[in-house]
PDB file of N, CA and C in Angstrom:
ATOM      1  N   MET A   1     140.859  80.296  27.216  1.00  0.00           N
ATOM      2  CA  MET A   1     140.550  79.983  28.594  1.00  0.00           C
ATOM      3  C   MET A   1     139.507  78.861  28.579  1.00  0.00           C
ATOM      4  N   SER A   2     139.700  77.884  29.399  1.00  0.00           N
ATOM      5  CA  SER A   2     138.766  76.755  29.417  1.00  0.00           C
ATOM      6  C   SER A   2     137.606  77.032  30.373  1.00  0.00           C
ATOM      7  N   ASP A   3     136.477  76.530  29.959  1.00  0.00           N
ATOM      8  CA  ASP A   3     135.283  76.718  30.780  1.00  0.00           C
ATOM      9  C   ASP A   3     135.162  75.493  31.694  1.00  0.00           C
ATOM     10  N   ILE A   4     135.262  75.720  32.964  1.00  0.00           N
ATOM     11  CA  ILE A   4     135.160  74.628  33.932  1.00  0.00           C
ATOM     12  C   ILE A   4     133.734  74.627  34.476  1.00  0.00           C
ATOM     13  N   SER A   5     133.042  73.576  34.174  1.00  0.00           N
ATOM     14  CA  SER A   5     131.666  73.489  34.676  1.00  0.00           C
ATOM     15  C   SER A   5     131.650  72.535  35.858  1.00  0.00           C
ATOM     16  N   ARG A   6     131.025  72.993  36.897  1.00  0.00           N
ATOM     17  CA  ARG A   6     130.907  72.174  38.091  1.00  0.00           C
ATOM     18  C   ARG A   6     129.505  71.620  38.191  1.00  0.00           C
ATOM     19  N   THR A   7     129.400  70.353  38.383  1.00  0.00           N
ATOM     20  CA  THR A   7     128.103  69.739  38.620  1.00  0.00           C
ATOM     21  C   THR A   7     127.978  69.419  40.082  1.00  0.00           C
ATOM     22  N   THR A   8     126.932  69.860  40.667  1.00  0.00           N
ATOM     23  CA  THR A   8     126.739  69.576  42.089  1.00  0.00           C
ATOM     24  C   THR A   8     125.481  68.751  42.240  1.00  0.00           C
ATOM     25  N   GLU A   9     125.656  67.649  42.883  1.00  0.00           N
ATOM     26  CA  GLU A   9     124.524  66.777  43.181  1.00  0.00           C
ATOM     27  C   GLU A   9     124.176  66.941  44.649  1.00  0.00           C
ATOM     28  N   PRO A  10     122.903  66.992  44.952  1.00  0.00           N
ATOM     29  CA  PRO A  10     122.519  67.136  46.365  1.00  0.00           C
ATOM     30  C   PRO A  10     122.975  65.892  47.159  1.00  0.00           C
ATOM     31  N   ARG A  11     123.569  66.179  48.290  1.00  0.00           N
ATOM     32  CA  ARG A  11     124.029  65.085  49.133  1.00  0.00           C
ATOM     33  C   ARG A  11     122.914  64.709  50.110  1.00  0.00           C
ATOM     34  N   GLN A  12     122.724  63.456  50.299  1.00  0.00           N
ATOM     35  CA  GLN A  12     121.724  62.996  51.248  1.00  0.00           C
ATOM     36  C   GLN A  12     122.427  62.604  52.545  1.00  0.00           C
ATOM     37  N   LEU A  13     121.915  63.106  53.651  1.00  0.00           N
ATOM     38  CA  LEU A  13     122.433  62.706  54.949  1.00  0.00           C
ATOM     39  C   LEU A  13     121.663  61.513  55.458  1.00  0.00           C
ATOM     40  N   SER A  14     122.380  60.659  56.154  1.00  0.00           N
ATOM     41  CA  SER A  14     121.699  59.497  56.729  1.00  0.00           C
ATOM     42  C   SER A  14     120.874  59.937  57.942  1.00  0.00           C
ATOM     43  N   VAL A  15     119.980  59.092  58.336  1.00  0.00           N
ATOM     44  CA  VAL A  15     119.112  59.364  59.478  1.00  0.00           C
ATOM     45  C   VAL A  15     119.962  59.505  60.753  1.00  0.00           C
ATOM     46  N   ILE A  16     120.967  58.663  60.872  1.00  0.00           N
ATOM     47  CA  ILE A  16     121.854  58.732  62.035  1.00  0.00           C
ATOM     48  C   ILE A  16     122.567  60.073  62.115  1.00  0.00           C
ATOM     49  N   THR A  17     123.036  60.581  60.973  1.00  0.00           N
ATOM     50  CA  THR A  17     123.718  61.869  60.932  1.00  0.00           C
ATOM     51  C   THR A  17     122.764  62.990  61.326  1.00  0.00           C
ATOM     52  N   MET A  18     121.559  62.967  60.774  1.00  0.00           N
ATOM     53  CA  MET A  18     120.583  64.003  61.101  1.00  0.00           C
ATOM     54  C   MET A  18     120.208  63.940  62.565  1.00  0.00           C
ATOM     55  N   LEU A  19     120.051  62.756  63.114  1.00  0.00           N
ATOM     56  CA  LEU A  19     119.718  62.571  64.527  1.00  0.00           C
ATOM     57  C   LEU A  19     120.872  63.092  65.391  1.00  0.00           C
ATOM     58  N   SER A  20     122.096  62.853  64.979  1.00  0.00           N
ATOM     59  CA  SER A  20     123.255  63.330  65.738  1.00  0.00           C
ATOM     60  C   SER A  20     123.299  64.854  65.760  1.00  0.00           C
ATOM     61  N   TYR A  21     123.041  65.479  64.631  1.00  0.00           N
ATOM     62  CA  TYR A  21     122.991  66.937  64.593  1.00  0.00           C
ATOM     63  C   TYR A  21     121.888  67.466  65.494  1.00  0.00           C
ATOM     64  N   GLY A  22     120.740  66.826  65.494  1.00  0.00           N
ATOM     65  CA  GLY A  22     119.638  67.227  66.339  1.00  0.00           C
ATOM     66  C   GLY A  22     119.955  67.122  67.816  1.00  0.00           C
ATOM     67  N   ILE A  23     120.621  66.055  68.205  1.00  0.00           N
ATOM     68  CA  ILE A  23     121.004  65.878  69.615  1.00  0.00           C
ATOM     69  C   ILE A  23     122.018  66.921  70.015  1.00  0.00           C
ATOM     70  N   GLY A  24     122.967  67.205  69.121  1.00  0.00           N
ATOM     71  CA  GLY A  24     123.938  68.220  69.400  1.00  0.00           C
ATOM     72  C   GLY A  24     123.332  69.599  69.547  1.00  0.00           C
ATOM     73  N   GLU A  25     122.316  69.897  68.742  1.00  0.00           N
ATOM     74  CA  GLU A  25     121.669  71.187  68.799  1.00  0.00           C
ATOM     75  C   GLU A  25     120.809  71.304  70.057  1.00  0.00           C
ATOM     76  N   ALA A  26     120.325  70.194  70.590  1.00  0.00           N
ATOM     77  CA  ALA A  26     119.484  70.213  71.786  1.00  0.00           C
ATOM     78  C   ALA A  26     120.255  70.783  72.981  1.00  0.00           C
ATOM     79  N   ALA A  27     121.532  70.490  73.083  1.00  0.00           N
ATOM     80  CA  ALA A  27     122.330  71.013  74.195  1.00  0.00           C
ATOM     81  C   ALA A  27     122.406  72.544  74.136  1.00  0.00           C
ATOM     82  N   GLY A  28     122.633  73.079  72.950  1.00  0.00           N
ATOM     83  CA  GLY A  28     122.651  74.536  72.789  1.00  0.00           C
ATOM     84  C   GLY A  28     121.304  75.169  73.078  1.00  0.00           C
ATOM     85  N   ALA A  29     120.253  74.511  72.658  1.00  0.00           N
ATOM     86  CA  ALA A  29     118.910  75.039  72.929  1.00  0.00           C
ATOM     87  C   ALA A  29     118.616  75.047  74.440  1.00  0.00           C
ATOM     88  N   CYS A  30     119.007  74.001  75.123  1.00  0.00           N
ATOM     89  CA  CYS A  30     118.784  73.949  76.592  1.00  0.00           C
ATOM     90  C   CYS A  30     119.553  75.079  77.279  1.00  0.00           C
ATOM     91  N   LYS A  31     120.777  75.337  76.818  1.00  0.00           N
ATOM     92  CA  LYS A  31     121.577  76.403  77.407  1.00  0.00           C
ATOM     93  C   LYS A  31     120.914  77.749  77.174  1.00  0.00           C
ATOM     94  N   ASN A  32     120.419  77.980  75.965  1.00  0.00           N
ATOM     95  CA  ASN A  32     119.754  79.240  75.665  1.00  0.00           C
ATOM     96  C   ASN A  32     118.479  79.419  76.469  1.00  0.00           C
ATOM     97  N   ILE A  33     117.708  78.374  76.661  1.00  0.00           N
ATOM     98  CA  ILE A  33     116.496  78.455  77.454  1.00  0.00           C
ATOM     99  C   ILE A  33     116.835  78.756  78.915  1.00  0.00           C
ATOM    100  N   ALA A  34     117.849  78.059  79.430  1.00  0.00           N
ATOM    101  CA  ALA A  34     118.237  78.295  80.836  1.00  0.00           C
ATOM    102  C   ALA A  34     118.715  79.730  81.031  1.00  0.00           C
ATOM    103  N   TRP A  35     119.464  80.259  80.082  1.00  0.00           N
ATOM    104  CA  TRP A  35     119.955  81.642  80.173  1.00  0.00           C
ATOM    105  C   TRP A  35     118.784  82.622  80.133  1.00  0.00           C
ATOM    106  N   GLY A  36     117.821  82.379  79.271  1.00  0.00           N
ATOM    107  CA  GLY A  36     116.639  83.242  79.199  1.00  0.00           C
ATOM    108  C   GLY A  36     115.823  83.217  80.474  1.00  0.00           C
ATOM    109  N   VAL A  37     115.657  82.025  81.057  1.00  0.00           N
ATOM    110  CA  VAL A  37     114.917  81.919  82.315  1.00  0.00           C
ATOM    111  C   VAL A  37     115.639  82.641  83.425  1.00  0.00           C
ATOM    112  N   LEU A  38     116.979  82.503  83.486  1.00  0.00           N
ATOM    113  CA  LEU A  38     117.758  83.183  84.501  1.00  0.00           C
ATOM    114  C   LEU A  38     117.634  84.703  84.362  1.00  0.00           C
ATOM    115  N   LEU A  39     117.729  85.192  83.125  1.00  0.00           N
ATOM    116  CA  LEU A  39     117.561  86.640  82.917  1.00  0.00           C
ATOM    117  C   LEU A  39     116.162  87.106  83.298  1.00  0.00           C
ATOM    118  N   LEU A  40     115.160  86.336  82.902  1.00  0.00           N
ATOM    119  CA  LEU A  40     113.777  86.702  83.211  1.00  0.00           C
ATOM    120  C   LEU A  40     113.574  86.755  84.720  1.00  0.00           C
ATOM    121  N   PHE A  41     114.062  85.751  85.425  1.00  0.00           N
ATOM    122  CA  PHE A  41     113.924  85.725  86.890  1.00  0.00           C
ATOM    123  C   PHE A  41     114.668  86.886  87.548  1.00  0.00           C
ATOM    124  N   TYR A  42     115.898  87.149  87.098  1.00  0.00           N
ATOM    125  CA  TYR A  42     116.681  88.219  87.695  1.00  0.00           C
ATOM    126  C   TYR A  42     116.008  89.575  87.513  1.00  0.00           C
ATOM    127  N   TYR A  43     115.653  89.888  86.277  1.00  0.00           N
ATOM    128  CA  TYR A  43     115.077  91.218  86.036  1.00  0.00           C
ATOM    129  C   TYR A  43     113.683  91.365  86.647  1.00  0.00           C
ATOM    130  N   GLN A  44     112.930  90.288  86.748  1.00  0.00           N
ATOM    131  CA  GLN A  44     111.597  90.381  87.342  1.00  0.00           C
ATOM    132  C   GLN A  44     111.666  90.424  88.857  1.00  0.00           C
ATOM    133  N   GLN A  45     112.431  89.562  89.475  1.00  0.00           N
ATOM    134  CA  GLN A  45     112.435  89.442  90.924  1.00  0.00           C
ATOM    135  C   GLN A  45     113.402  90.390  91.616  1.00  0.00           C
ATOM    136  N   VAL A  46     114.586  90.603  91.030  1.00  0.00           N
ATOM    137  CA  VAL A  46     115.592  91.418  91.692  1.00  0.00           C
ATOM    138  C   VAL A  46     115.476  92.878  91.306  1.00  0.00           C
ATOM    139  N   VAL A  47     115.388  93.148  90.006  1.00  0.00           N
ATOM    140  CA  VAL A  47     115.348  94.507  89.533  1.00  0.00           C
ATOM    141  C   VAL A  47     113.930  95.081  89.617  1.00  0.00           C
ATOM    142  N   GLY A  48     112.931  94.250  89.388  1.00  0.00           N
ATOM    143  CA  GLY A  48     111.540  94.686  89.504  1.00  0.00           C
ATOM    144  C   GLY A  48     110.894  95.109  88.190  1.00  0.00           C
ATOM    145  N   VAL A  49     111.447  94.701  87.083  1.00  0.00           N
ATOM    146  CA  VAL A  49     110.842  94.997  85.774  1.00  0.00           C
ATOM    147  C   VAL A  49     109.732  93.992  85.509  1.00  0.00           C
ATOM    148  N   GLU A  50     108.672  94.437  84.824  1.00  0.00           N
ATOM    149  CA  GLU A  50     107.565  93.509  84.486  1.00  0.00           C
ATOM    150  C   GLU A  50     108.070  92.382  83.611  1.00  0.00           C
ATOM    151  N   ALA A  51     107.478  91.209  83.816  1.00  0.00           N
ATOM    152  CA  ALA A  51     107.893  90.016  83.063  1.00  0.00           C
ATOM    153  C   ALA A  51     107.656  90.168  81.566  1.00  0.00           C
ATOM    154  N   ALA A  52     106.564  90.836  81.193  1.00  0.00           N
ATOM    155  CA  ALA A  52     106.271  91.013  79.764  1.00  0.00           C
ATOM    156  C   ALA A  52     107.334  91.842  79.081  1.00  0.00           C
ATOM    157  N   LEU A  53     107.814  92.859  79.747  1.00  0.00           N
ATOM    158  CA  LEU A  53     108.859  93.716  79.163  1.00  0.00           C
ATOM    159  C   LEU A  53     110.186  92.975  79.045  1.00  0.00           C
ATOM    160  N   VAL A  54     110.507  92.173  80.066  1.00  0.00           N
ATOM    161  CA  VAL A  54     111.730  91.397  80.012  1.00  0.00           C
ATOM    162  C   VAL A  54     111.635  90.357  78.903  1.00  0.00           C
ATOM    163  N   GLY A  55     110.510  89.699  78.783  1.00  0.00           N
ATOM    164  CA  GLY A  55     110.325  88.717  77.713  1.00  0.00           C
ATOM    165  C   GLY A  55     110.433  89.348  76.350  1.00  0.00           C
ATOM    166  N   LEU A  56     109.863  90.537  76.204  1.00  0.00           N
ATOM    167  CA  LEU A  56     109.951  91.251  74.928  1.00  0.00           C
ATOM    168  C   LEU A  56     111.402  91.605  74.611  1.00  0.00           C
ATOM    169  N   ALA A  57     112.167  92.064  75.603  1.00  0.00           N
ATOM    170  CA  ALA A  57     113.563  92.413  75.370  1.00  0.00           C
ATOM    171  C   ALA A  57     114.399  91.184  75.014  1.00  0.00           C
ATOM    172  N   ILE A  58     114.129  90.053  75.665  1.00  0.00           N
ATOM    173  CA  ILE A  58     114.855  88.828  75.331  1.00  0.00           C
ATOM    174  C   ILE A  58     114.506  88.366  73.920  1.00  0.00           C
ATOM    175  N   ALA A  59     113.222  88.423  73.562  1.00  0.00           N
ATOM    176  CA  ALA A  59     112.817  88.012  72.219  1.00  0.00           C
ATOM    177  C   ALA A  59     113.424  88.914  71.161  1.00  0.00           C
ATOM    178  N   MET A  60     113.451  90.212  71.411  1.00  0.00           N
ATOM    179  CA  MET A  60     114.030  91.152  70.442  1.00  0.00           C
ATOM    180  C   MET A  60     115.527  90.882  70.278  1.00  0.00           C
ATOM    181  N   SER A  61     116.222  90.612  71.364  1.00  0.00           N
ATOM    182  CA  SER A  61     117.654  90.342  71.245  1.00  0.00           C
ATOM    183  C   SER A  61     117.931  89.058  70.465  1.00  0.00           C
ATOM    184  N   VAL A  62     117.101  88.050  70.655  1.00  0.00           N
ATOM    185  CA  VAL A  62     117.257  86.814  69.911  1.00  0.00           C
ATOM    186  C   VAL A  62     117.019  87.032  68.428  1.00  0.00           C
ATOM    187  N   VAL A  63     115.982  87.782  68.094  1.00  0.00           N
ATOM    188  CA  VAL A  63     115.674  88.081  66.694  1.00  0.00           C
ATOM    189  C   VAL A  63     116.782  88.867  66.033  1.00  0.00           C
ATOM    190  N   VAL A  64     117.310  89.874  66.712  1.00  0.00           N
ATOM    191  CA  VAL A  64     118.393  90.698  66.161  1.00  0.00           C
ATOM    192  C   VAL A  64     119.663  89.855  65.999  1.00  0.00           C
ATOM    193  N   ALA A  65     120.010  89.077  67.020  1.00  0.00           N
ATOM    194  CA  ALA A  65     121.207  88.247  66.930  1.00  0.00           C
ATOM    195  C   ALA A  65     121.091  87.218  65.792  1.00  0.00           C
ATOM    196  N   TYR A  66     119.934  86.590  65.685  1.00  0.00           N
ATOM    197  CA  TYR A  66     119.683  85.631  64.622  1.00  0.00           C
ATOM    198  C   TYR A  66     119.777  86.291  63.259  1.00  0.00           C
ATOM    199  N   GLY A  67     119.235  87.477  63.120  1.00  0.00           N
ATOM    200  CA  GLY A  67     119.287  88.204  61.862  1.00  0.00           C
ATOM    201  C   GLY A  67     120.713  88.577  61.472  1.00  0.00           C
ATOM    202  N   LEU A  68     121.509  88.998  62.455  1.00  0.00           N
ATOM    203  CA  LEU A  68     122.891  89.372  62.168  1.00  0.00           C
ATOM    204  C   LEU A  68     123.730  88.145  61.777  1.00  0.00           C
ATOM    205  N   ILE A  69     123.530  87.055  62.476  1.00  0.00           N
ATOM    206  CA  ILE A  69     124.269  85.832  62.166  1.00  0.00           C
ATOM    207  C   ILE A  69     123.888  85.327  60.778  1.00  0.00           C
ATOM    208  N   THR A  70     122.581  85.350  60.487  1.00  0.00           N
ATOM    209  CA  THR A  70     122.119  84.883  59.178  1.00  0.00           C
ATOM    210  C   THR A  70     122.647  85.779  58.058  1.00  0.00           C
ATOM    211  N   ALA A  71     122.636  87.089  58.261  1.00  0.00           N
ATOM    212  CA  ALA A  71     123.128  88.003  57.241  1.00  0.00           C
ATOM    213  C   ALA A  71     124.602  87.832  56.972  1.00  0.00           C
ATOM    214  N   SER A  72     125.410  87.710  58.028  1.00  0.00           N
ATOM    215  CA  SER A  72     126.837  87.562  57.833  1.00  0.00           C
ATOM    216  C   SER A  72     127.178  86.218  57.183  1.00  0.00           C
ATOM    217  N   THR A  73     126.443  85.174  57.561  1.00  0.00           N
ATOM    218  CA  THR A  73     126.706  83.859  56.945  1.00  0.00           C
ATOM    219  C   THR A  73     126.330  83.871  55.468  1.00  0.00           C
ATOM    220  N   SER A  74     125.199  84.473  55.121  1.00  0.00           N
ATOM    221  CA  SER A  74     124.811  84.472  53.723  1.00  0.00           C
ATOM    222  C   SER A  74     125.781  85.309  52.889  1.00  0.00           C
ATOM    223  N   GLN A  75     126.322  86.388  53.453  1.00  0.00           N
ATOM    224  CA  GLN A  75     127.295  87.183  52.717  1.00  0.00           C
ATOM    225  C   GLN A  75     128.580  86.386  52.486  1.00  0.00           C
ATOM    226  N   ARG A  76     129.005  85.638  53.478  1.00  0.00           N
ATOM    227  CA  ARG A  76     130.204  84.805  53.318  1.00  0.00           C
ATOM    228  C   ARG A  76     129.987  83.733  52.278  1.00  0.00           C
ATOM    229  N   LEU A  77     128.817  83.085  52.320  1.00  0.00           N
ATOM    230  CA  LEU A  77     128.541  82.044  51.346  1.00  0.00           C
ATOM    231  C   LEU A  77     128.448  82.635  49.946  1.00  0.00           C
ATOM    232  N   ARG A  78     127.854  83.803  49.818  1.00  0.00           N
ATOM    233  CA  ARG A  78     127.733  84.427  48.505  1.00  0.00           C
ATOM    234  C   ARG A  78     129.133  84.762  47.963  1.00  0.00           C
ATOM    235  N   ALA A  79     130.030  85.174  48.838  1.00  0.00           N
ATOM    236  CA  ALA A  79     131.387  85.492  48.390  1.00  0.00           C
ATOM    237  C   ALA A  79     132.117  84.230  47.887  1.00  0.00           C
ATOM    238  N   TYR A  80     131.845  83.092  48.497  1.00  0.00           N
ATOM    239  CA  TYR A  80     132.496  81.848  48.068  1.00  0.00           C
ATOM    240  C   TYR A  80     131.855  81.262  46.848  1.00  0.00           C
ATOM    241  N   THR A  81     130.559  81.448  46.652  1.00  0.00           N
ATOM    242  CA  THR A  81     129.869  80.800  45.553  1.00  0.00           C
ATOM    243  C   THR A  81     129.723  81.657  44.297  1.00  0.00           C
ATOM    244  N   THR A  82     129.934  82.954  44.422  1.00  0.00           N
ATOM    245  CA  THR A  82     129.803  83.830  43.260  1.00  0.00           C
ATOM    246  C   THR A  82     131.080  83.753  42.427  1.00  0.00           C
ATOM    247  N   PRO A  83     130.932  83.460  41.151  1.00  0.00           N
ATOM    248  CA  PRO A  83     132.127  83.371  40.292  1.00  0.00           C
ATOM    249  C   PRO A  83     132.767  84.742  40.104  1.00  0.00           C
ATOM    250  N   ALA A  84     134.083  84.733  40.031  1.00  0.00           N
ATOM    251  CA  ALA A  84     134.826  85.985  39.833  1.00  0.00           C
ATOM    252  C   ALA A  84     134.595  86.450  38.425  1.00  0.00           C
ATOM    253  N   SER A  85     134.485  87.764  38.225  1.00  0.00           N
ATOM    254  CA  SER A  85     134.227  88.286  36.886  1.00  0.00           C
ATOM    255  C   SER A  85     135.508  88.704  36.203  1.00  0.00           C
TER     256      SER A  85
END
């Protein structure tokens, strides 16, 4: 059986590419901020929950969602990068 060695060199992204990714991410960030503000306003003004509790609930949901997405992504990447035994 032949040993196939892969050499990976780090790829450098151009400034234009990085700027494009940043601009694209800004739209998603604005949407998330607007959704959070809408939820905060609704629960505080309509339902009557304290703003601090609503903010805490929104922050906890973001942390949990981010953790789940990060965990599933790292598991998928590990499955692709781990050599078969």
